[in-house]
Amino acid sequence: MGRSDHLAALDQLFARKPIATLDELRAALGTDSRTTVFRVVSRVGYRTSFSHAGRYYTLERVPKFNARGLWFHREVGFSSHGTLRATVVVLVDRSDAGCTHEELQAELKLRLHDTLRSLVEDRYIGRERVEDVYLYVSARPKVARAQVERRRRAVAKALAVVPALDPARAIDVLVAVIHHPSDDPKAIVARLATEGRLVGLAQVEQLFRRYDLPGKKTAHSRSRRSRR
């Protein structure tokens, strides 16, 4: 198969599907040689997925990257920034108020504990505590300080708009926690609802934070898992 045949085979493959595995590329090009495959795709430009252990490939012209430089086909992710590590560094560095693990996980559709830990250890990004959540910030100190300050202001604003519980309902919540110390805010809300005492989840979460109650898994502390 000559050069023009190889390029035509690539066009046919990617006209049918936007991404392909190495085996699919080999089959389309009629070769078992990894070297031949990458020589051919290098001529037109290609990208490797940052997810799925880099098992998927696409041509440079295929992805329509969003403003953050990301493109997904189903659950397979590609980045204009390159690898997963490089992508996380760019996203964190360019973020207005830093990024939590949960925010990055939702955006990249991957669990990132090990990646974040290694990037912090290698000093490609920083990590700061804001409330009871780890915030990943730029490695540049001045940028990081601004990100932390913006995040703190955002958290304070979010808390300020949650009306405090009526004292009687607050007592109901505290009594429920005493009797069921392993319950998180959502479980407390559900438990009280079955007794006809309605309370808002955000208000209960606020109470958990205020009194540092045990077993808390509030909106701002659910990412204790992201402390790594």
C-alpha atoms as a PDB file:
ATOM      1  CA  MET A   1       0.000   0.000   0.000  1.00  0.00           C
ATOM      2  CA  GLY A   2       1.545   3.290  -1.128  1.00  0.00           C
ATOM      3  CA  ARG A   3       1.453   6.689   0.542  1.00  0.00           C
ATOM      4  CA  SER A   4      -1.678   7.862  -1.260  1.00  0.00           C
ATOM      5  CA  ASP A   5      -3.401   4.570  -0.441  1.00  0.00           C
ATOM      6  CA  HIS A   6      -2.495   4.959   3.227  1.00  0.00           C
ATOM      7  CA  LEU A   7      -3.936   8.471   3.345  1.00  0.00           C
ATOM      8  CA  ALA A   8      -7.090   7.355   1.554  1.00  0.00           C
ATOM      9  CA  ALA A   9      -7.478   4.503   4.064  1.00  0.00           C
ATOM     10  CA  LEU A  10      -7.157   6.973   6.933  1.00  0.00           C
ATOM     11  CA  ASP A  11      -9.796   9.212   5.372  1.00  0.00           C
ATOM     12  CA  GLN A  12     -12.176   6.276   5.037  1.00  0.00           C
ATOM     13  CA  LEU A  13     -11.602   5.143   8.614  1.00  0.00           C
ATOM     14  CA  PHE A  14     -12.157   8.552  10.184  1.00  0.00           C
ATOM     15  CA  ALA A  15     -15.115   9.267   7.964  1.00  0.00           C
ATOM     16  CA  ARG A  16     -16.812   6.310   9.652  1.00  0.00           C
ATOM     17  CA  LYS A  17     -15.728   7.092  13.218  1.00  0.00           C
ATOM     18  CA  PRO A  18     -13.961  10.071  14.841  1.00  0.00           C
ATOM     19  CA  ILE A  19     -11.582   8.036  17.014  1.00  0.00           C
ATOM     20  CA  ALA A  20      -9.774   4.730  16.612  1.00  0.00           C
ATOM     21  CA  THR A  21      -7.580   2.298  18.515  1.00  0.00           C
ATOM     22  CA  LEU A  22      -4.143   1.213  17.343  1.00  0.00           C
ATOM     23  CA  ASP A  23      -5.546  -2.137  16.199  1.00  0.00           C
ATOM     24  CA  GLU A  24      -8.183  -0.363  14.129  1.00  0.00           C
ATOM     25  CA  LEU A  25      -5.500   1.818  12.551  1.00  0.00           C
ATOM     26  CA  ARG A  26      -3.413  -1.247  11.748  1.00  0.00           C
ATOM     27  CA  ALA A  27      -6.379  -2.967  10.137  1.00  0.00           C
ATOM     28  CA  ALA A  28      -7.302   0.094   8.080  1.00  0.00           C
ATOM     29  CA  LEU A  29      -3.722   0.541   6.838  1.00  0.00           C
ATOM     30  CA  GLY A  30      -3.170  -3.164   6.216  1.00  0.00           C
ATOM     31  CA  THR A  31      -0.096  -3.428   8.412  1.00  0.00           C
ATOM     32  CA  ASP A  32       0.984  -4.999  11.699  1.00  0.00           C
ATOM     33  CA  SER A  33       3.777  -2.463  12.103  1.00  0.00           C
ATOM     34  CA  ARG A  34       3.299   0.149  14.830  1.00  0.00           C
ATOM     35  CA  THR A  35       6.087   2.166  13.211  1.00  0.00           C
ATOM     36  CA  THR A  36       4.243   2.266   9.897  1.00  0.00           C
ATOM     37  CA  VAL A  37       1.024   3.367  11.559  1.00  0.00           C
ATOM     38  CA  PHE A  38       2.654   6.306  13.328  1.00  0.00           C
ATOM     39  CA  ARG A  39       4.633   7.277  10.252  1.00  0.00           C
ATOM     40  CA  VAL A  40       1.382   7.547   8.303  1.00  0.00           C
ATOM     41  CA  VAL A  41      -0.671   9.403  10.930  1.00  0.00           C
ATOM     42  CA  SER A  42       2.230  11.763  11.605  1.00  0.00           C
ATOM     43  CA  ARG A  43       2.016  12.984   8.042  1.00  0.00           C
ATOM     44  CA  VAL A  44      -1.470  14.377   8.600  1.00  0.00           C
ATOM     45  CA  GLY A  45      -1.190  15.085  12.327  1.00  0.00           C
ATOM     46  CA  TYR A  46      -2.838  13.129  15.113  1.00  0.00           C
ATOM     47  CA  ARG A  47      -3.735  13.319  18.794  1.00  0.00           C
ATOM     48  CA  THR A  48      -3.777  10.721  21.549  1.00  0.00           C
ATOM     49  CA  SER A  49      -6.523  10.609  24.157  1.00  0.00           C
ATOM     50  CA  PHE A  50      -5.665  11.883  27.622  1.00  0.00           C
ATOM     51  CA  SER A  51      -8.149   9.354  29.029  1.00  0.00           C
ATOM     52  CA  HIS A  52      -8.361   5.575  28.704  1.00  0.00           C
ATOM     53  CA  ALA A  53      -4.575   5.260  29.115  1.00  0.00           C
ATOM     54  CA  GLY A  54      -4.019   6.966  25.761  1.00  0.00           C
ATOM     55  CA  ARG A  55      -5.491   4.035  23.833  1.00  0.00           C
ATOM     56  CA  TYR A  56      -7.452   6.158  21.372  1.00  0.00           C
ATOM     57  CA  TYR A  57      -6.264   8.265  18.462  1.00  0.00           C
ATOM     58  CA  THR A  58      -7.812  10.858  16.219  1.00  0.00           C
ATOM     59  CA  LEU A  59      -6.590  13.039  13.403  1.00  0.00           C
ATOM     60  CA  GLU A  60      -5.584  16.609  14.141  1.00  0.00           C
ATOM     61  CA  ARG A  61      -8.442  17.949  12.050  1.00  0.00           C
ATOM     62  CA  VAL A  62     -11.227  16.018  13.813  1.00  0.00           C
ATOM     63  CA  PRO A  63     -11.628  17.497  17.331  1.00  0.00           C
ATOM     64  CA  LYS A  64     -13.719  20.604  17.904  1.00  0.00           C
ATOM     65  CA  PHE A  65     -12.144  21.786  21.138  1.00  0.00           C
ATOM     66  CA  ASN A  66     -14.159  23.876  23.583  1.00  0.00           C
ATOM     67  CA  ALA A  67     -12.927  27.087  25.190  1.00  0.00           C
ATOM     68  CA  ARG A  68     -10.984  25.042  27.760  1.00  0.00           C
ATOM     69  CA  GLY A  69      -9.221  23.040  25.050  1.00  0.00           C
ATOM     70  CA  LEU A  70     -11.210  19.837  25.607  1.00  0.00           C
ATOM     71  CA  TRP A  71     -13.103  17.564  23.239  1.00  0.00           C
ATOM     72  CA  PHE A  72     -14.912  14.324  24.044  1.00  0.00           C
ATOM     73  CA  HIS A  73     -16.258  11.546  21.899  1.00  0.00           C
ATOM     74  CA  ARG A  74     -18.590   9.781  24.268  1.00  0.00           C
ATOM     75  CA  GLU A  75     -16.364   9.309  27.341  1.00  0.00           C
ATOM     76  CA  VAL A  76     -13.020   9.459  25.540  1.00  0.00           C
ATOM     77  CA  GLY A  77     -11.246  12.770  26.098  1.00  0.00           C
ATOM     78  CA  PHE A  78      -8.743  14.680  23.978  1.00  0.00           C
ATOM     79  CA  SER A  79      -7.000  17.907  24.886  1.00  0.00           C
ATOM     80  CA  SER A  80      -5.367  20.647  22.870  1.00  0.00           C
ATOM     81  CA  HIS A  81      -2.876  20.840  25.736  1.00  0.00           C
ATOM     82  CA  GLY A  82      -1.651  17.270  25.234  1.00  0.00           C
ATOM     83  CA  THR A  83      -1.365  14.758  28.062  1.00  0.00           C
ATOM     84  CA  LEU A  84      -3.560  14.514  31.141  1.00  0.00           C
ATOM     85  CA  ARG A  85      -0.852  16.022  33.340  1.00  0.00           C
ATOM     86  CA  ALA A  86      -0.273  18.925  30.979  1.00  0.00           C
ATOM     87  CA  THR A  87      -4.016  19.498  30.707  1.00  0.00           C
ATOM     88  CA  VAL A  88      -4.545  19.605  34.470  1.00  0.00           C
ATOM     89  CA  VAL A  89      -1.682  22.085  34.882  1.00  0.00           C
ATOM     90  CA  VAL A  90      -3.157  24.419  32.256  1.00  0.00           C
ATOM     91  CA  LEU A  91      -6.723  24.175  33.596  1.00  0.00           C
ATOM     92  CA  VAL A  92      -5.601  24.874  37.150  1.00  0.00           C
ATOM     93  CA  ASP A  93      -3.237  27.663  36.185  1.00  0.00           C
ATOM     94  CA  ARG A  94      -5.848  29.442  34.041  1.00  0.00           C
ATOM     95  CA  SER A  95      -8.739  29.007  36.464  1.00  0.00           C
ATOM     96  CA  ASP A  96     -10.115  32.149  38.031  1.00  0.00           C
ATOM     97  CA  ALA A  97     -10.500  30.714  41.527  1.00  0.00           C
ATOM     98  CA  GLY A  98      -8.507  27.476  41.487  1.00  0.00           C
ATOM     99  CA  CYS A  99     -10.058  24.026  41.067  1.00  0.00           C
ATOM    100  CA  THR A 100     -11.208  21.340  43.457  1.00  0.00           C
ATOM    101  CA  HIS A 101     -10.781  17.675  42.682  1.00  0.00           C
ATOM    102  CA  GLU A 102     -14.536  17.331  42.169  1.00  0.00           C
ATOM    103  CA  GLU A 103     -14.584  20.209  39.675  1.00  0.00           C
ATOM    104  CA  LEU A 104     -11.697  18.763  37.681  1.00  0.00           C
ATOM    105  CA  GLN A 105     -13.171  15.267  37.833  1.00  0.00           C
ATOM    106  CA  ALA A 106     -16.491  16.535  36.473  1.00  0.00           C
ATOM    107  CA  GLU A 107     -14.763  18.423  33.671  1.00  0.00           C
ATOM    108  CA  LEU A 108     -12.285  15.720  32.659  1.00  0.00           C
ATOM    109  CA  LYS A 109     -14.527  12.745  33.509  1.00  0.00           C
ATOM    110  CA  LEU A 110     -11.698  11.046  35.383  1.00  0.00           C
ATOM    111  CA  ARG A 111     -10.639  10.394  38.949  1.00  0.00           C
ATOM    112  CA  LEU A 112      -7.505  12.452  39.432  1.00  0.00           C
ATOM    113  CA  HIS A 113      -6.228  11.726  42.945  1.00  0.00           C
ATOM    114  CA  ASP A 114      -2.881  10.278  41.837  1.00  0.00           C
ATOM    115  CA  THR A 115      -2.373  12.834  39.063  1.00  0.00           C
ATOM    116  CA  LEU A 116      -3.046  15.777  41.378  1.00  0.00           C
ATOM    117  CA  ARG A 117      -0.838  14.386  44.118  1.00  0.00           C
ATOM    118  CA  SER A 118       2.090  13.884  41.740  1.00  0.00           C
ATOM    119  CA  LEU A 119       1.669  17.340  40.190  1.00  0.00           C
ATOM    120  CA  VAL A 120       1.732  18.930  43.651  1.00  0.00           C
ATOM    121  CA  GLU A 121       4.774  16.879  44.645  1.00  0.00           C
ATOM    122  CA  ASP A 122       6.543  17.899  41.432  1.00  0.00           C
ATOM    123  CA  ARG A 123       5.513  21.545  42.047  1.00  0.00           C
ATOM    124  CA  TYR A 124       3.689  21.932  38.762  1.00  0.00           C
ATOM    125  CA  ILE A 125       0.648  23.110  40.712  1.00  0.00           C
ATOM    126  CA  GLY A 126      -0.004  24.178  44.307  1.00  0.00           C
ATOM    127  CA  ARG A 127      -2.562  23.125  46.900  1.00  0.00           C
ATOM    128  CA  GLU A 128      -4.272  25.195  49.593  1.00  0.00           C
ATOM    129  CA  ARG A 129      -7.021  24.552  52.141  1.00  0.00           C
ATOM    130  CA  VAL A 130     -10.126  26.703  51.716  1.00  0.00           C
ATOM    131  CA  GLU A 131     -12.802  25.914  54.298  1.00  0.00           C
ATOM    132  CA  ASP A 132     -12.429  22.133  54.553  1.00  0.00           C
ATOM    133  CA  VAL A 133     -11.647  21.460  50.887  1.00  0.00           C
ATOM    134  CA  TYR A 134      -8.323  21.244  49.107  1.00  0.00           C
ATOM    135  CA  LEU A 135      -8.047  23.797  46.322  1.00  0.00           C
ATOM    136  CA  TYR A 136      -5.551  23.233  43.512  1.00  0.00           C
ATOM    137  CA  VAL A 137      -3.928  26.449  42.381  1.00  0.00           C
ATOM    138  CA  SER A 138      -1.255  27.812  40.077  1.00  0.00           C
ATOM    139  CA  ALA A 139       2.388  27.132  40.850  1.00  0.00           C
ATOM    140  CA  ARG A 140       2.945  30.864  40.435  1.00  0.00           C
ATOM    141  CA  PRO A 141       2.625  32.350  43.943  1.00  0.00           C
ATOM    142  CA  LYS A 142       1.016  35.631  42.918  1.00  0.00           C
ATOM    143  CA  VAL A 143      -1.589  33.887  40.756  1.00  0.00           C
ATOM    144  CA  ALA A 144      -2.225  31.303  43.478  1.00  0.00           C
ATOM    145  CA  ARG A 145      -2.868  33.970  46.115  1.00  0.00           C
ATOM    146  CA  ALA A 146      -5.412  35.666  43.840  1.00  0.00           C
ATOM    147  CA  GLN A 147      -7.132  32.340  43.124  1.00  0.00           C
ATOM    148  CA  VAL A 148      -7.418  31.498  46.824  1.00  0.00           C
ATOM    149  CA  GLU A 149      -8.809  34.937  47.647  1.00  0.00           C
ATOM    150  CA  ARG A 150     -11.439  34.700  44.901  1.00  0.00           C
ATOM    151  CA  ARG A 151     -12.443  31.226  46.076  1.00  0.00           C
ATOM    152  CA  ARG A 152     -12.782  32.399  49.681  1.00  0.00           C
ATOM    153  CA  ARG A 153     -14.962  35.290  48.593  1.00  0.00           C
ATOM    154  CA  ALA A 154     -17.129  32.943  46.508  1.00  0.00           C
ATOM    155  CA  VAL A 155     -17.545  30.510  49.403  1.00  0.00           C
ATOM    156  CA  ALA A 156     -18.411  33.332  51.811  1.00  0.00           C
ATOM    157  CA  LYS A 157     -20.970  34.704  49.376  1.00  0.00           C
ATOM    158  CA  ALA A 158     -22.554  31.286  48.880  1.00  0.00           C
ATOM    159  CA  LEU A 159     -22.844  30.757  52.624  1.00  0.00           C
ATOM    160  CA  ALA A 160     -24.256  34.221  53.177  1.00  0.00           C
ATOM    161  CA  VAL A 161     -27.246  33.619  50.908  1.00  0.00           C
ATOM    162  CA  VAL A 162     -28.384  30.520  52.835  1.00  0.00           C
ATOM    163  CA  PRO A 163     -30.941  31.613  55.444  1.00  0.00           C
ATOM    164  CA  ALA A 164     -30.282  30.262  58.925  1.00  0.00           C
ATOM    165  CA  LEU A 165     -32.549  27.525  60.219  1.00  0.00           C
ATOM    166  CA  ASP A 166     -35.358  28.439  62.568  1.00  0.00           C
ATOM    167  CA  PRO A 167     -34.064  27.718  66.126  1.00  0.00           C
ATOM    168  CA  ALA A 168     -36.631  24.959  66.640  1.00  0.00           C
ATOM    169  CA  ARG A 169     -35.600  23.221  63.420  1.00  0.00           C
ATOM    170  CA  ALA A 170     -31.913  23.690  64.296  1.00  0.00           C
ATOM    171  CA  ILE A 171     -32.557  21.860  67.556  1.00  0.00           C
ATOM    172  CA  ASP A 172     -34.305  19.094  65.617  1.00  0.00           C
ATOM    173  CA  VAL A 173     -31.197  18.711  63.443  1.00  0.00           C
ATOM    174  CA  LEU A 174     -28.820  18.649  66.422  1.00  0.00           C
ATOM    175  CA  VAL A 175     -30.951  16.075  68.244  1.00  0.00           C
ATOM    176  CA  ALA A 176     -31.047  13.910  65.104  1.00  0.00           C
ATOM    177  CA  VAL A 177     -27.250  14.095  64.850  1.00  0.00           C
ATOM    178  CA  ILE A 178     -26.875  13.066  68.486  1.00  0.00           C
ATOM    179  CA  HIS A 179     -29.056  10.005  67.912  1.00  0.00           C
ATOM    180  CA  HIS A 180     -27.623   9.209  64.455  1.00  0.00           C
ATOM    181  CA  PRO A 181     -24.002  10.496  64.484  1.00  0.00           C
ATOM    182  CA  SER A 182     -23.029   8.671  61.290  1.00  0.00           C
ATOM    183  CA  ASP A 183     -25.712  10.421  59.214  1.00  0.00           C
ATOM    184  CA  ASP A 184     -24.599  13.051  56.727  1.00  0.00           C
ATOM    185  CA  PRO A 185     -26.737  16.173  56.047  1.00  0.00           C
ATOM    186  CA  LYS A 186     -28.729  14.481  53.291  1.00  0.00           C
ATOM    187  CA  ALA A 187     -29.626  11.584  55.582  1.00  0.00           C
ATOM    188  CA  ILE A 188     -30.630  14.000  58.363  1.00  0.00           C
ATOM    189  CA  VAL A 189     -32.895  15.921  55.957  1.00  0.00           C
ATOM    190  CA  ALA A 190     -34.553  12.673  54.833  1.00  0.00           C
ATOM    191  CA  ARG A 191     -34.934  11.425  58.409  1.00  0.00           C
ATOM    192  CA  LEU A 192     -36.613  14.630  59.582  1.00  0.00           C
ATOM    193  CA  ALA A 193     -38.852  14.709  56.509  1.00  0.00           C
ATOM    194  CA  THR A 194     -40.314  11.320  57.458  1.00  0.00           C
ATOM    195  CA  GLU A 195     -41.249  12.909  60.791  1.00  0.00           C
ATOM    196  CA  GLY A 196     -42.932  15.854  59.077  1.00  0.00           C
ATOM    197  CA  ARG A 197     -40.194  18.337  59.963  1.00  0.00           C
ATOM    198  CA  LEU A 198     -38.951  19.862  56.722  1.00  0.00           C
ATOM    199  CA  VAL A 199     -35.507  21.469  56.543  1.00  0.00           C
ATOM    200  CA  GLY A 200     -33.364  22.516  53.581  1.00  0.00           C
ATOM    201  CA  LEU A 201     -30.212  20.590  52.716  1.00  0.00           C
ATOM    202  CA  ALA A 202     -28.129  23.768  52.339  1.00  0.00           C
ATOM    203  CA  GLN A 203     -29.267  24.941  55.769  1.00  0.00           C
ATOM    204  CA  VAL A 204     -28.352  21.627  57.376  1.00  0.00           C
ATOM    205  CA  GLU A 205     -24.969  21.666  55.653  1.00  0.00           C
ATOM    206  CA  GLN A 206     -24.419  25.168  57.001  1.00  0.00           C
ATOM    207  CA  LEU A 207     -25.238  23.948  60.515  1.00  0.00           C
ATOM    208  CA  PHE A 208     -22.821  21.012  60.149  1.00  0.00           C
ATOM    209  CA  ARG A 209     -20.040  23.400  59.155  1.00  0.00           C
ATOM    210  CA  ARG A 210     -20.829  25.884  61.922  1.00  0.00           C
ATOM    211  CA  TYR A 211     -20.615  23.273  64.673  1.00  0.00           C
ATOM    212  CA  ASP A 212     -18.063  20.998  62.977  1.00  0.00           C
ATOM    213  CA  LEU A 213     -20.416  18.071  63.395  1.00  0.00           C
ATOM    214  CA  PRO A 214     -19.138  14.496  63.020  1.00  0.00           C
ATOM    215  CA  GLY A 215     -19.813  12.493  59.891  1.00  0.00           C
ATOM    216  CA  LYS A 216     -20.149  15.648  57.820  1.00  0.00           C
ATOM    217  CA  LYS A 217     -20.153  15.358  54.039  1.00  0.00           C
ATOM    218  CA  THR A 218     -21.372  18.758  53.034  1.00  0.00           C
ATOM    219  CA  ALA A 219     -21.223  20.397  49.619  1.00  0.00           C
ATOM    220  CA  HIS A 220     -17.943  22.005  50.681  1.00  0.00           C
ATOM    221  CA  SER A 221     -16.481  18.972  52.393  1.00  0.00           C
ATOM    222  CA  ARG A 222     -17.497  16.088  50.167  1.00  0.00           C
ATOM    223  CA  SER A 223     -14.107  16.342  48.525  1.00  0.00           C
ATOM    224  CA  ARG A 224     -12.231  15.291  51.641  1.00  0.00           C
ATOM    225  CA  ARG A 225     -11.548  12.374  49.289  1.00  0.00           C
ATOM    226  CA  SER A 226      -9.631  14.859  47.125  1.00  0.00           C
ATOM    227  CA  ARG A 227      -7.098  15.713  49.803  1.00  0.00           C
ATOM    228  CA  ARG A 228      -4.551  13.460  48.219  1.00  0.00           C
END
